[in-house]
Amino acid sequence: MPDRTITIDRDQRDGLYELVRNHLGGIEDFWIALERTKDFATAERLGQEFAETSGCSGTSAGASTMFARAGC
């Protein structure tokens, strides 16, 4: 249990929800680049961007590696 909690107002919560929705919506772009168009360079770039904004440390060695990492 954390020692301290914070309280956010409705506008802050709505902003966080929008940020999360936009971030998760970008996952589809990764799969389109990887599976449909076979654009591996774009898939790798999107995978690295997703990992960076998810708080995962380090960089992936490739698009397939990004999702293989359990912590991310």
C-alpha atoms as a PDB file:
ATOM      1  CA  MET A   1       0.000   0.000   0.000  1.00  0.00           C
ATOM      2  CA  PRO A   2       1.438   3.384  -0.937  1.00  0.00           C
ATOM      3  CA  ASP A   3       2.314   5.818   1.788  1.00  0.00           C
ATOM      4  CA  ARG A   4       0.701   8.634  -0.107  1.00  0.00           C
ATOM      5  CA  THR A   5      -2.147   8.937  -2.584  1.00  0.00           C
ATOM      6  CA  ILE A   6      -3.071  11.767  -4.879  1.00  0.00           C
ATOM      7  CA  THR A   7      -6.409  13.107  -5.948  1.00  0.00           C
ATOM      8  CA  ILE A   8      -7.098  14.289  -9.465  1.00  0.00           C
ATOM      9  CA  ASP A   9     -10.054  16.249 -10.699  1.00  0.00           C
ATOM     10  CA  ARG A  10     -12.434  15.301 -13.491  1.00  0.00           C
ATOM     11  CA  ASP A  11     -10.538  17.199 -16.222  1.00  0.00           C
ATOM     12  CA  GLN A  12      -7.248  15.565 -15.213  1.00  0.00           C
ATOM     13  CA  ARG A  13      -8.875  12.122 -15.208  1.00  0.00           C
ATOM     14  CA  ASP A  14     -10.436  12.731 -18.626  1.00  0.00           C
ATOM     15  CA  GLY A  15      -7.052  13.817 -19.951  1.00  0.00           C
ATOM     16  CA  LEU A  16      -5.404  10.666 -18.629  1.00  0.00           C
ATOM     17  CA  TYR A  17      -8.134   8.483 -20.136  1.00  0.00           C
ATOM     18  CA  GLU A  18      -7.691  10.165 -23.523  1.00  0.00           C
ATOM     19  CA  LEU A  19      -3.929   9.657 -23.358  1.00  0.00           C
ATOM     20  CA  VAL A  20      -4.356   5.953 -22.561  1.00  0.00           C
ATOM     21  CA  ARG A  21      -6.973   5.455 -25.297  1.00  0.00           C
ATOM     22  CA  ASN A  22      -4.744   7.111 -27.892  1.00  0.00           C
ATOM     23  CA  HIS A  23      -1.755   5.071 -26.773  1.00  0.00           C
ATOM     24  CA  LEU A  24      -3.615   1.754 -26.894  1.00  0.00           C
ATOM     25  CA  GLY A  25      -5.180   2.658 -30.225  1.00  0.00           C
ATOM     26  CA  GLY A  26      -1.681   2.899 -31.691  1.00  0.00           C
ATOM     27  CA  ILE A  27      -1.118  -0.805 -31.101  1.00  0.00           C
ATOM     28  CA  GLU A  28      -3.304  -1.555 -34.109  1.00  0.00           C
ATOM     29  CA  ASP A  29      -0.956   0.487 -36.328  1.00  0.00           C
ATOM     30  CA  PHE A  30       1.888  -1.778 -35.202  1.00  0.00           C
ATOM     31  CA  TRP A  31      -0.005  -4.927 -36.188  1.00  0.00           C
ATOM     32  CA  ILE A  32      -1.075  -3.472 -39.542  1.00  0.00           C
ATOM     33  CA  ALA A  33       2.528  -2.597 -40.378  1.00  0.00           C
ATOM     34  CA  LEU A  34       3.742  -6.004 -39.236  1.00  0.00           C
ATOM     35  CA  GLU A  35       1.068  -8.404 -40.488  1.00  0.00           C
ATOM     36  CA  ARG A  36      -0.731  -6.793 -43.422  1.00  0.00           C
ATOM     37  CA  THR A  37       1.827  -4.603 -45.133  1.00  0.00           C
ATOM     38  CA  LYS A  38       4.968  -6.434 -43.997  1.00  0.00           C
ATOM     39  CA  ASP A  39       6.506  -3.009 -43.358  1.00  0.00           C
ATOM     40  CA  PHE A  40       8.981  -4.256 -40.785  1.00  0.00           C
ATOM     41  CA  ALA A  41      10.850  -0.960 -40.450  1.00  0.00           C
ATOM     42  CA  THR A  42       7.641   0.865 -39.491  1.00  0.00           C
ATOM     43  CA  ALA A  43       6.590  -1.982 -37.194  1.00  0.00           C
ATOM     44  CA  GLU A  44       9.926  -1.822 -35.406  1.00  0.00           C
ATOM     45  CA  ARG A  45       9.706   1.969 -35.027  1.00  0.00           C
ATOM     46  CA  LEU A  46       6.146   1.755 -33.672  1.00  0.00           C
ATOM     47  CA  GLY A  47       7.141  -1.069 -31.332  1.00  0.00           C
ATOM     48  CA  GLN A  48      10.006   0.980 -29.937  1.00  0.00           C
ATOM     49  CA  GLU A  49       7.774   4.033 -29.523  1.00  0.00           C
ATOM     50  CA  PHE A  50       5.205   1.926 -27.693  1.00  0.00           C
ATOM     51  CA  ALA A  51       7.866   0.470 -25.403  1.00  0.00           C
ATOM     52  CA  GLU A  52       9.282   3.907 -24.616  1.00  0.00           C
ATOM     53  CA  THR A  53       5.923   5.451 -23.789  1.00  0.00           C
ATOM     54  CA  SER A  54       4.887   2.389 -21.783  1.00  0.00           C
ATOM     55  CA  GLY A  55       7.727   2.887 -19.347  1.00  0.00           C
ATOM     56  CA  CYS A  56       9.665  -0.160 -20.526  1.00  0.00           C
ATOM     57  CA  SER A  57      13.373   0.358 -20.225  1.00  0.00           C
ATOM     58  CA  GLY A  58      15.860  -0.278 -22.982  1.00  0.00           C
ATOM     59  CA  THR A  59      15.238  -0.686 -26.657  1.00  0.00           C
ATOM     60  CA  SER A  60      14.042  -3.755 -28.465  1.00  0.00           C
ATOM     61  CA  ALA A  61      16.221  -5.612 -30.919  1.00  0.00           C
ATOM     62  CA  GLY A  62      13.280  -5.889 -33.298  1.00  0.00           C
ATOM     63  CA  ALA A  63       9.525  -5.643 -33.548  1.00  0.00           C
ATOM     64  CA  SER A  64       8.902  -9.250 -32.581  1.00  0.00           C
ATOM     65  CA  THR A  65      11.168  -8.908 -29.550  1.00  0.00           C
ATOM     66  CA  MET A  66       9.121  -6.026 -28.190  1.00  0.00           C
ATOM     67  CA  PHE A  67       6.055  -8.143 -27.542  1.00  0.00           C
ATOM     68  CA  ALA A  68       8.063 -11.128 -26.420  1.00  0.00           C
ATOM     69  CA  ARG A  69       9.316  -9.197 -23.399  1.00  0.00           C
ATOM     70  CA  ALA A  70       6.960 -10.137 -20.587  1.00  0.00           C
ATOM     71  CA  GLY A  71       7.359  -6.910 -18.657  1.00  0.00           C
ATOM     72  CA  CYS A  72       6.203  -4.720 -21.476  1.00  0.00           C
END
